Structure formats: structure tokens, C-alpha cells
Amino acid sequence: MKEFWSLNRNLQLRIVIVFLAAFSYGTVFSSMTIYYNQHVGATITGAFLALSALATFVAGLLAGYWSDKHGRKPVMTSGTFIQAAGALVALFSNLPHHVNPWTTFIGFLLISFGFNLDVTSGSAMIIDDSTAENRKVVFMLNYWAQNLSVIIGAALGAWLFKPAFLALLGILLTTIIVMLVIIIFMITETFTPVKDKKPENIFKSYRSVVTDKTYMIFMLANILTTMIIMQFDNFLPVHLSNSFQTLSVFGFQIYGQRMLTIYLILACVMVVVLMTTLNKWTHAWSHRKGFIFGSIFMTLGMIVAFMTTTFTPIFISGIIYTFGEIIYTPSAQSLGADLMAPEKIGAYNGVGAIRQPLASIIAAGLVSISPIIKAFGVSLVLVVTEILAITLCMLAVARHQQRKEGEK
């Protein structure tokens, strides 16, 4: 924790917000695919996930533009207000004997939209307040805090999701309100926009980012690897819900939803325990090497999980996947930050924010067609995706190095 206390107050508070968000989301979000699948079926579940991804796609673009135009803090505040409204809708949509999955989806759609407003502007704030020397440490601590809190949230979610879903929604709402208080009263602004006589519209703001071929090549590679990560919330829950062979351990039943929670807790515990050690081992690695080897392990872990239906091989697949994610995450985030033009951090983060929703759309599409192509077909798609991602990452890094040499 020495690294945490060496950071400035804004960065510390941002990591606290990430901790709170991951805790509250960990209680419900990892199981919402199962919730929708049980209430409306796999096909409509895929459509729900795609619509949610589209909403967050729009939120990311708006947040990047607005955070450059109005500052980081106003966008973070607005996003958290929207999350609170969504949590209220979801709460009232699941009162006893009045459960409505459709309005529940609307509530979670608002939460996802608001969350992406906050995350995009918050990421810009992190880059504002960090330096090239400590940025990877900040990303590592952010990721570590997120996984530590998910352990607690997922533990609550696993045992309360079925009998006390309404209580979980209450925890979600309360935590979002705490986050809102921190943002309004404790966070300070890190960016003062220049007041131009002719304000740049959103299309001009993003034109320079979209025409940066090197960054966009990396973005495509990052979208593809993120799609593999998104299987955690998309096909993996469906696969475990439909195909996992329930077993009993000392009278305690482990069924699909609980196996998903075990997988999630395993991943989070490994991140909390091994993050610092693995980062020391791979400290001398280039960001490109971390991206490539990390994503290979993630892909292999997911494929092993998809091709099996029993506890032990799925547990082992979780270990393989998590080793990859620990290596991949700080490397991919640091590489992305290196490729951003300093004067357009908000816009670059806005474009970067579309990574997750676009990846979610692809992942949701796999959920919708999974009854046709089965687990083997989904696994084959992941193999092709990983090969393309590695190729694009290598191309982006090569272009970046050529550009740096040309500027000398």
C-alpha cells in the first residue's frame, strides 16, 4: 500500500471510487445475464446486452467530448446521478410480487450509461494527475482495488442473489450515493478547458483521434481482446447455467451460478494476492509483450472453460485466464495512454471508452448465436479473434516507434 499513499489525494479518491463501484456492481452485475436468461431467454438476453453496450458506447463519446469542454468533475457528477436514478428504477422493478425484467433492464441501462460517463471522465482525470513514471502503478492499484472489492461483492451476490435480490439492489443504490458524495465534496477538478471563441463541436473534436491510424489500430486490437474478457459476463454465465454438472460438497450444492461466482472470486483473489509479484516479474517486459502473452493466456483459459462442464477443469481454466489478465491489463492500459496526444486526452478517452461497449456487442452476438454454433464454435471465434488482436497490436507498436524516430 506504500504506492497508494504516495499518490496525490485525487488519485487516491479515484481509486476509492473504483473500489466502491466494483463492490456494488460485483453483487449483481456478474449475475444479470443469468437473471435475464431465466426471465426472457437467451435470444432476448443477447439483445439486452447489445442495447446496453450501445448506450455505453454513446455515453463514452459524450463523456470524452464534455470532459474536454466542461472539465472532468461535472461529467463524473452527472454520470453518478444517472447511476443513482437507474438503481432506483431497478429497485422498484423488483419489489415482492411485482418483478418486471423489462423495467429492470431500463434501470441497468441507465446505470451502465451513467457509469461510462463517470469512467471516461475519471480515466482522463487519472491521466491528468499521473505521470509517465507512475501511471502503470496507478493502473495497477486501480485494477487491484477493483478486484479486492469484487471479492466482497461477489461473495454477497452468490448467496443473496436468489433469496435477497432486492437487498442487493439496495446495496447498489447506497454505494452509488456514497460515490456521489465523494465526487461532489472531495474530488477537485484537474482540467480547466480553454474558452475558445468558436467552440469545437463533437465531430471536430473526435476527427483528430479517429484519423490517428496508429491509435485506431491499437483500439481495434484492444476491442478484440476485450471481447474475450467480456465472455466472463456473456457466454460463460450462459454456458455454466445450461451445461455445468451440479455437484454437492459436504451437502452444499454447487450449480452453474455458484460456479460462476467461484470462478469470479478465484480470479479476484489471484489478482489481489499475485498482482504485485507478477508485475515485478514482468517489470522489464515491453507493453507489447505483456499485451500479447497476457491475452494468449486469457483466451486459452476461456476456451478450456467453454469446452468442459465439470468443476476441476473449469477451476483450472480460471487460474490460466487470471494469470493472463494480470499480465495483460496494466500493459494494455499503459500502452493506450502512451499513444494518446496530451492535448486531446478527453477525446482519446472518449474513443477509448467505446472499446468495452463495442466488445460487448460482439460478445452479446455470440450469446445470441451460441445455441447454433455451440461452445466449440464460440471457442473457434476466440482463437481467430486472438490472432487478429496480436497482429494489430504489433502493427500499432511498430507504427508508433517509427513515428517517434521520425520526430527526433
Protein backbone atom coordinates (compact mmCIF):
# COMPACT_ATOMS: atom_id res chain seq x y z
CA MET A 1 0.00 0.00 0.00
CA LYS A 2 3.06 2.26 0.06
CA GLU A 3 2.42 3.13 -3.59
CA PHE A 4 -1.16 4.18 -2.80
CA TRP A 5 -0.17 6.65 -0.05
CA SER A 6 2.46 8.22 -2.31
CA LEU A 7 -0.22 9.32 -4.78
CA ASN A 8 -1.96 12.69 -4.64
CA ARG A 9 -5.40 12.98 -2.99
CA ASN A 10 -7.38 12.99 -6.23
CA LEU A 11 -5.82 9.74 -7.44
CA GLN A 12 -6.41 8.14 -4.04
CA LEU A 13 -10.08 9.19 -4.09
CA ARG A 14 -10.47 7.94 -7.65
CA ILE A 15 -9.18 4.51 -6.58
CA VAL A 16 -11.63 4.57 -3.63
CA ILE A 17 -14.48 5.28 -6.09
CA VAL A 18 -13.34 2.36 -8.25
CA PHE A 19 -13.35 0.16 -5.14
CA LEU A 20 -16.90 1.18 -4.22
CA ALA A 21 -18.21 0.80 -7.78
CA ALA A 22 -16.65 -2.64 -8.20
CA PHE A 23 -18.06 -3.76 -4.85
CA SER A 24 -21.62 -2.72 -5.64
CA TYR A 25 -21.51 -3.95 -9.23
CA GLY A 26 -19.93 -7.23 -8.16
CA THR A 27 -23.02 -8.04 -6.10
CA VAL A 28 -25.38 -8.01 -9.08
CA PHE A 29 -23.83 -7.34 -12.49
CA SER A 30 -21.99 -10.65 -12.84
CA SER A 31 -25.32 -12.48 -12.43
CA MET A 32 -27.58 -10.24 -14.51
CA THR A 33 -27.04 -12.34 -17.63
CA ILE A 34 -28.44 -15.30 -15.70
CA TYR A 35 -31.33 -13.10 -14.43
CA TYR A 36 -32.28 -12.08 -17.99
CA ASN A 37 -31.73 -15.60 -19.34
CA GLN A 38 -34.13 -17.02 -16.75
CA HIS A 39 -36.82 -14.38 -17.31
CA VAL A 40 -36.72 -13.72 -21.07
CA GLY A 41 -34.46 -16.39 -22.67
CA ALA A 42 -31.03 -16.37 -24.34
CA THR A 43 -32.02 -14.57 -27.56
CA ILE A 44 -33.61 -11.55 -25.87
CA THR A 45 -30.80 -11.59 -23.29
CA GLY A 46 -28.34 -11.12 -26.14
CA ALA A 47 -30.42 -8.20 -27.44
CA PHE A 48 -30.50 -6.64 -23.94
CA LEU A 49 -26.72 -6.90 -23.66
CA ALA A 50 -26.26 -5.38 -27.13
CA LEU A 51 -28.56 -2.43 -26.33
CA SER A 52 -26.69 -1.83 -23.08
CA ALA A 53 -23.42 -1.84 -24.97
CA LEU A 54 -24.81 0.67 -27.49
CA ALA A 55 -25.88 3.03 -24.69
CA THR A 56 -22.45 2.91 -23.06
CA PHE A 57 -20.86 3.45 -26.49
CA VAL A 58 -22.77 6.75 -26.81
CA ALA A 59 -22.00 7.66 -23.19
CA GLY A 60 -18.28 7.22 -23.75
CA LEU A 61 -18.24 9.50 -26.78
CA LEU A 62 -20.25 12.19 -25.00
CA ALA A 63 -18.12 11.95 -21.85
CA GLY A 64 -14.86 12.40 -23.75
CA TYR A 65 -16.14 15.49 -25.53
CA TRP A 66 -17.84 17.02 -22.48
CA SER A 67 -14.83 16.42 -20.19
CA ASP A 68 -12.61 18.37 -22.60
CA LYS A 69 -15.25 21.11 -22.93
CA HIS A 70 -16.54 21.44 -19.35
CA GLY A 71 -13.93 19.66 -17.20
CA ARG A 72 -13.75 16.21 -15.64
CA LYS A 73 -15.73 16.71 -12.41
CA PRO A 74 -19.08 17.89 -13.90
CA VAL A 75 -19.23 14.83 -16.17
CA MET A 76 -18.37 12.49 -13.30
CA THR A 77 -21.10 14.08 -11.17
CA SER A 78 -23.75 13.81 -13.90
CA GLY A 79 -22.84 10.20 -14.61
CA THR A 80 -23.18 9.22 -10.96
CA PHE A 81 -26.56 10.98 -10.68
CA ILE A 82 -27.78 8.91 -13.65
CA GLN A 83 -26.50 5.74 -11.99
CA ALA A 84 -28.47 6.56 -8.85
CA ALA A 85 -31.64 7.07 -10.91
CA GLY A 86 -31.10 3.73 -12.65
CA ALA A 87 -30.56 1.93 -9.35
CA LEU A 88 -33.88 3.36 -8.08
CA VAL A 89 -35.71 2.10 -11.19
CA ALA A 90 -34.18 -1.37 -10.79
CA LEU A 91 -35.06 -1.43 -7.10
CA PHE A 92 -38.75 -0.59 -7.68
CA SER A 93 -38.86 -3.09 -10.56
CA ASN A 94 -38.12 -5.98 -8.21
CA LEU A 95 -40.48 -5.42 -5.31
CA PRO A 96 -42.11 -8.61 -3.98
CA HIS A 97 -44.77 -9.96 -6.38
CA HIS A 98 -44.08 -7.10 -8.82
CA VAL A 99 -40.93 -8.26 -10.63
CA ASN A 100 -40.56 -6.72 -14.08
CA PRO A 101 -37.42 -7.77 -16.06
CA TRP A 102 -38.13 -5.16 -18.75
CA THR A 103 -38.04 -2.14 -16.45
CA THR A 104 -35.18 -3.81 -14.58
CA PHE A 105 -33.29 -3.71 -17.85
CA ILE A 106 -34.11 0.00 -18.26
CA GLY A 107 -32.71 0.65 -14.78
CA PHE A 108 -29.49 -1.20 -15.52
CA LEU A 109 -29.29 0.54 -18.90
CA LEU A 110 -29.26 3.88 -17.07
CA ILE A 111 -26.64 2.59 -14.64
CA SER A 112 -24.40 1.45 -17.49
CA PHE A 113 -24.83 4.79 -19.31
CA GLY A 114 -24.01 6.82 -16.20
CA PHE A 115 -21.15 4.54 -15.25
CA ASN A 116 -19.45 5.07 -18.61
CA LEU A 117 -19.80 8.86 -18.25
CA ASP A 118 -18.02 8.61 -14.90
CA VAL A 119 -15.38 6.10 -16.02
CA THR A 120 -14.41 8.02 -19.17
CA SER A 121 -14.03 11.38 -17.44
CA GLY A 122 -12.42 9.68 -14.43
CA SER A 123 -9.85 8.00 -16.69
CA ALA A 124 -8.98 11.40 -18.16
CA MET A 125 -8.56 12.71 -14.61
CA ILE A 126 -6.17 9.85 -13.81
CA ILE A 127 -4.01 10.71 -16.83
CA ASP A 128 -4.15 14.43 -15.89
CA ASP A 129 -2.91 13.73 -12.36
CA SER A 130 -0.42 10.94 -13.09
CA THR A 131 2.98 10.97 -14.79
CA ALA A 132 4.58 8.60 -17.29
CA GLU A 133 6.65 7.21 -14.40
CA ASN A 134 3.81 6.38 -12.00
CA ARG A 135 0.94 5.78 -14.45
CA LYS A 136 1.42 2.00 -14.63
CA VAL A 137 1.41 1.89 -10.81
CA VAL A 138 -1.86 3.85 -10.76
CA PHE A 139 -3.43 1.47 -13.28
CA MET A 140 -2.17 -1.49 -11.24
CA LEU A 141 -3.64 -0.11 -7.99
CA ASN A 142 -6.90 0.70 -9.76
CA TYR A 143 -7.15 -2.87 -11.00
CA TRP A 144 -6.10 -4.30 -7.64
CA ALA A 145 -8.74 -2.27 -5.76
CA GLN A 146 -11.38 -3.29 -8.26
CA ASN A 147 -10.67 -6.98 -7.78
CA LEU A 148 -10.40 -6.76 -3.98
CA SER A 149 -13.85 -5.17 -3.79
CA VAL A 150 -15.35 -7.65 -6.26
CA ILE A 151 -14.35 -10.47 -3.91
CA ILE A 152 -16.55 -8.97 -1.21
CA GLY A 153 -19.36 -8.03 -3.59
CA ALA A 154 -19.38 -11.38 -5.37
CA ALA A 155 -19.44 -13.25 -2.07
CA LEU A 156 -22.58 -11.32 -1.14
CA GLY A 157 -24.07 -11.79 -4.59
CA ALA A 158 -23.55 -15.55 -4.68
CA TRP A 159 -25.59 -16.23 -1.57
CA LEU A 160 -28.09 -13.38 -1.74
CA PHE A 161 -28.86 -13.22 -5.48
CA LYS A 162 -31.65 -15.79 -5.37
CA PRO A 163 -33.14 -15.22 -1.89
CA ALA A 164 -32.49 -11.47 -1.47
CA PHE A 165 -32.00 -9.78 -4.85
CA LEU A 166 -33.88 -6.69 -3.60
CA ALA A 167 -31.34 -6.27 -0.78
CA LEU A 168 -28.51 -6.38 -3.31
CA LEU A 169 -30.18 -3.59 -5.29
CA GLY A 170 -30.43 -1.57 -2.07
CA ILE A 171 -26.69 -2.03 -1.51
CA LEU A 172 -26.08 -0.93 -5.10
CA LEU A 173 -28.09 2.27 -4.63
CA THR A 174 -26.47 3.11 -1.28
CA THR A 175 -22.96 2.68 -2.66
CA ILE A 176 -23.68 4.89 -5.68
CA ILE A 177 -24.93 7.63 -3.31
CA VAL A 178 -21.66 7.40 -1.32
CA MET A 179 -19.70 7.71 -4.58
CA LEU A 180 -21.74 10.80 -5.48
CA VAL A 181 -20.91 12.46 -2.14
CA ILE A 182 -17.18 11.81 -2.65
CA ILE A 183 -17.25 13.28 -6.17
CA ILE A 184 -19.21 16.40 -5.21
CA PHE A 185 -17.48 17.29 -1.94
CA MET A 186 -13.98 15.75 -2.07
CA ILE A 187 -12.74 15.43 -5.67
CA THR A 188 -11.10 18.54 -7.15
CA GLU A 189 -11.03 19.48 -10.84
CA THR A 190 -7.84 18.61 -12.75
CA PHE A 191 -8.57 20.21 -16.11
CA THR A 192 -9.57 23.77 -16.97
CA PRO A 193 -10.94 23.97 -20.52
CA VAL A 194 -9.74 26.74 -22.79
CA LYS A 195 -12.68 29.00 -23.64
CA ASP A 196 -12.43 29.33 -27.43
CA LYS A 197 -14.36 31.99 -29.32
CA LYS A 198 -15.57 29.26 -31.65
CA PRO A 199 -16.17 26.12 -29.57
CA GLU A 200 -15.15 22.90 -31.29
CA ASN A 201 -18.13 20.62 -31.93
CA ILE A 202 -18.07 16.95 -31.07
CA PHE A 203 -17.34 15.85 -34.63
CA LYS A 204 -14.27 18.09 -34.98
CA SER A 205 -13.10 17.07 -31.52
CA TYR A 206 -13.02 13.41 -32.46
CA ARG A 207 -11.75 13.86 -36.02
CA SER A 208 -8.12 14.13 -34.95
CA VAL A 209 -8.45 10.97 -32.83
CA VAL A 210 -10.22 8.92 -35.48
CA THR A 211 -7.63 9.96 -38.10
CA ASP A 212 -4.79 8.83 -35.82
CA LYS A 213 -4.28 5.49 -37.58
CA THR A 214 -1.80 4.17 -35.04
CA TYR A 215 -4.18 4.67 -32.11
CA MET A 216 -7.15 3.31 -34.03
CA ILE A 217 -5.23 0.14 -34.98
CA PHE A 218 -4.41 -0.37 -31.31
CA MET A 219 -8.04 0.35 -30.41
CA LEU A 220 -9.22 -2.42 -32.73
CA ALA A 221 -6.73 -4.84 -31.16
CA ASN A 222 -7.94 -3.77 -27.70
CA ILE A 223 -11.60 -4.20 -28.67
CA LEU A 224 -10.90 -7.75 -29.80
CA THR A 225 -9.10 -8.74 -26.59
CA THR A 226 -11.78 -7.00 -24.52
CA MET A 227 -14.38 -9.12 -26.32
CA ILE A 228 -12.57 -12.15 -24.91
CA ILE A 229 -12.72 -10.63 -21.40
CA MET A 230 -16.43 -9.86 -21.95
CA GLN A 231 -17.15 -13.58 -22.21
CA PHE A 232 -16.93 -13.50 -18.41
CA ASP A 233 -20.27 -11.65 -18.36
CA ASN A 234 -21.76 -13.09 -21.56
CA PHE A 235 -21.26 -16.65 -22.79
CA LEU A 236 -19.55 -18.05 -19.69
CA PRO A 237 -22.61 -17.48 -17.43
CA VAL A 238 -24.92 -18.98 -20.08
CA HIS A 239 -22.60 -21.98 -20.56
CA LEU A 240 -22.40 -22.63 -16.82
CA SER A 241 -26.13 -22.06 -16.32
CA ASN A 242 -27.06 -24.51 -19.10
CA SER A 243 -24.29 -27.12 -19.03
CA PHE A 244 -22.45 -27.20 -15.70
CA GLN A 245 -22.82 -30.51 -13.89
CA THR A 246 -24.11 -29.69 -10.40
CA LEU A 247 -22.18 -31.31 -7.57
CA SER A 248 -22.55 -31.47 -3.81
CA VAL A 249 -19.69 -30.80 -1.41
CA PHE A 250 -20.48 -31.73 2.21
CA GLY A 251 -24.15 -31.18 1.45
CA PHE A 252 -23.54 -27.80 -0.20
CA GLN A 253 -24.71 -27.67 -3.81
CA ILE A 254 -22.55 -26.00 -6.46
CA TYR A 255 -24.67 -25.23 -9.52
CA GLY A 256 -23.98 -23.03 -12.53
CA GLN A 257 -24.49 -19.61 -10.93
CA ARG A 258 -22.39 -20.53 -7.90
CA MET A 259 -19.67 -21.96 -10.15
CA LEU A 260 -19.58 -18.61 -11.94
CA THR A 261 -19.16 -16.89 -8.57
CA ILE A 262 -16.37 -19.29 -7.58
CA TYR A 263 -14.66 -18.55 -10.91
CA LEU A 264 -15.01 -14.81 -10.28
CA ILE A 265 -13.77 -14.99 -6.68
CA LEU A 266 -10.82 -17.17 -7.76
CA ALA A 267 -9.84 -14.56 -10.36
CA CYS A 268 -10.16 -11.69 -7.89
CA VAL A 269 -8.21 -13.44 -5.12
CA MET A 270 -5.40 -14.25 -7.55
CA VAL A 271 -5.26 -10.61 -8.66
CA VAL A 272 -5.15 -9.34 -5.06
CA VAL A 273 -2.50 -11.87 -3.97
CA LEU A 274 -0.33 -12.08 -7.10
CA MET A 275 -0.66 -8.68 -8.82
CA THR A 276 2.41 -7.09 -7.23
CA THR A 277 4.55 -10.22 -7.61
CA LEU A 278 3.69 -10.79 -11.27
CA ASN A 279 4.25 -7.12 -12.07
CA LYS A 280 7.74 -7.35 -10.53
CA TRP A 281 8.48 -10.44 -12.63
CA THR A 282 7.27 -8.75 -15.80
CA HIS A 283 8.58 -5.26 -14.97
CA ALA A 284 11.20 -5.41 -17.73
CA TRP A 285 8.67 -6.56 -20.33
CA SER A 286 7.58 -4.14 -23.01
CA HIS A 287 3.90 -3.18 -23.07
CA ARG A 288 3.59 -5.09 -26.34
CA LYS A 289 4.95 -8.31 -24.83
CA GLY A 290 2.58 -8.01 -21.85
CA PHE A 291 -0.36 -7.41 -24.19
CA ILE A 292 0.44 -10.45 -26.34
CA PHE A 293 1.27 -13.04 -23.70
CA GLY A 294 -1.46 -11.86 -21.34
CA SER A 295 -4.17 -12.07 -23.98
CA ILE A 296 -2.98 -15.54 -25.09
CA PHE A 297 -3.43 -16.89 -21.56
CA MET A 298 -6.84 -15.22 -21.24
CA THR A 299 -8.02 -16.81 -24.48
CA LEU A 300 -6.72 -20.24 -23.51
CA GLY A 301 -8.43 -20.04 -20.12
CA MET A 302 -11.80 -19.14 -21.63
CA ILE A 303 -11.61 -21.89 -24.24
CA VAL A 304 -10.84 -24.53 -21.58
CA ALA A 305 -13.87 -23.32 -19.58
CA PHE A 306 -16.16 -23.45 -22.63
CA MET A 307 -15.09 -26.94 -23.66
CA THR A 308 -15.71 -28.52 -20.25
CA THR A 309 -18.69 -28.88 -17.90
CA THR A 310 -17.20 -30.15 -14.62
CA PHE A 311 -15.70 -28.38 -11.62
CA THR A 312 -11.97 -29.22 -11.74
CA PRO A 313 -11.14 -28.28 -15.37
CA ILE A 314 -13.23 -25.10 -15.12
CA PHE A 315 -11.41 -24.17 -11.90
CA ILE A 316 -8.04 -24.73 -13.65
CA SER A 317 -9.24 -22.64 -16.60
CA GLY A 318 -9.89 -19.80 -14.15
CA ILE A 319 -6.26 -19.93 -12.97
CA ILE A 320 -4.96 -19.83 -16.57
CA TYR A 321 -7.28 -16.96 -17.51
CA THR A 322 -6.39 -14.88 -14.47
CA PHE A 323 -2.62 -15.18 -14.97
CA GLY A 324 -3.23 -13.74 -18.42
CA GLU A 325 -5.45 -10.92 -17.19
CA ILE A 326 -2.95 -9.84 -14.51
CA ILE A 327 -0.23 -9.52 -17.16
CA TYR A 328 -2.46 -8.02 -19.85
CA THR A 329 -4.38 -5.29 -18.01
CA PRO A 330 -1.68 -2.82 -16.89
CA SER A 331 0.26 -3.38 -20.13
CA ALA A 332 -2.75 -2.63 -22.36
CA GLN A 333 -3.76 0.45 -20.32
CA SER A 334 -0.23 1.86 -20.28
CA LEU A 335 0.23 1.23 -23.99
CA GLY A 336 -3.04 3.01 -24.75
CA ALA A 337 -2.02 6.03 -22.64
CA ASP A 338 1.35 6.20 -24.40
CA LEU A 339 -0.40 6.52 -27.75
CA MET A 340 -2.61 9.48 -26.72
CA ALA A 341 -1.87 13.07 -27.75
CA PRO A 342 -1.61 15.09 -24.48
CA GLU A 343 -3.80 17.96 -25.69
CA LYS A 344 -6.73 15.66 -26.51
CA ILE A 345 -6.80 13.30 -23.52
CA GLY A 346 -10.57 13.61 -23.07
CA ALA A 347 -11.29 12.86 -26.71
CA TYR A 348 -8.87 9.92 -26.74
CA ASN A 349 -10.51 8.55 -23.60
CA GLY A 350 -13.89 9.06 -25.25
CA VAL A 351 -12.82 6.94 -28.20
CA GLY A 352 -11.17 4.51 -25.77
CA ALA A 353 -14.44 4.22 -23.86
CA ILE A 354 -16.14 2.68 -26.89
CA ARG A 355 -13.85 -0.33 -26.52
CA GLN A 356 -15.98 -2.06 -23.90
CA PRO A 357 -19.43 -1.45 -25.44
CA LEU A 358 -18.24 -2.48 -28.90
CA ALA A 359 -16.67 -5.58 -27.43
CA SER A 360 -19.90 -6.21 -25.53
CA ILE A 361 -21.94 -6.00 -28.74
CA ILE A 362 -19.75 -8.68 -30.33
CA ALA A 363 -19.82 -10.79 -27.17
CA ALA A 364 -23.62 -10.43 -26.91
CA GLY A 365 -23.88 -11.52 -30.55
CA LEU A 366 -22.03 -14.70 -29.62
CA VAL A 367 -24.57 -15.31 -26.85
CA SER A 368 -27.43 -14.96 -29.33
CA ILE A 369 -25.92 -17.39 -31.87
CA SER A 370 -24.46 -19.77 -29.27
CA PRO A 371 -27.48 -22.14 -29.48
CA ILE A 372 -26.48 -22.67 -33.13
CA ILE A 373 -22.65 -22.74 -33.06
CA LYS A 374 -22.38 -24.31 -29.57
CA ALA A 375 -19.39 -23.96 -27.24
CA PHE A 376 -16.95 -25.27 -29.86
CA GLY A 377 -17.98 -22.57 -32.33
CA VAL A 378 -17.62 -19.84 -29.70
CA SER A 379 -14.14 -21.17 -28.85
CA LEU A 380 -13.14 -21.13 -32.52
CA VAL A 381 -14.24 -17.49 -32.77
CA LEU A 382 -12.00 -16.66 -29.80
CA VAL A 383 -8.97 -18.26 -31.48
CA VAL A 384 -9.45 -16.19 -34.64
CA THR A 385 -10.06 -13.07 -32.54
CA GLU A 386 -6.82 -13.52 -30.59
CA ILE A 387 -4.72 -14.00 -33.73
CA LEU A 388 -6.13 -10.78 -35.22
CA ALA A 389 -5.58 -8.87 -31.94
CA ILE A 390 -1.91 -9.87 -31.71
CA THR A 391 -1.29 -8.90 -35.34
CA LEU A 392 -2.91 -5.47 -34.90
CA CYS A 393 -1.07 -4.76 -31.62
CA MET A 394 2.30 -5.48 -33.24
CA LEU A 395 1.41 -3.22 -36.16
CA ALA A 396 0.35 -0.34 -33.87
CA VAL A 397 3.55 -0.53 -31.81
CA ALA A 398 5.70 -0.64 -34.94
CA ARG A 399 3.96 2.46 -36.33
CA HIS A 400 4.34 4.29 -33.00
CA GLN A 401 8.06 3.54 -32.87
CA GLN A 402 8.51 4.75 -36.46
CA ARG A 403 6.66 7.98 -35.63
CA LYS A 404 8.84 8.60 -32.55
CA GLU A 405 12.01 8.05 -34.59
CA GLY A 406 10.73 10.42 -37.26
CA GLU A 407 10.19 13.17 -34.66
CA LYS A 408 13.82 13.01 -33.48
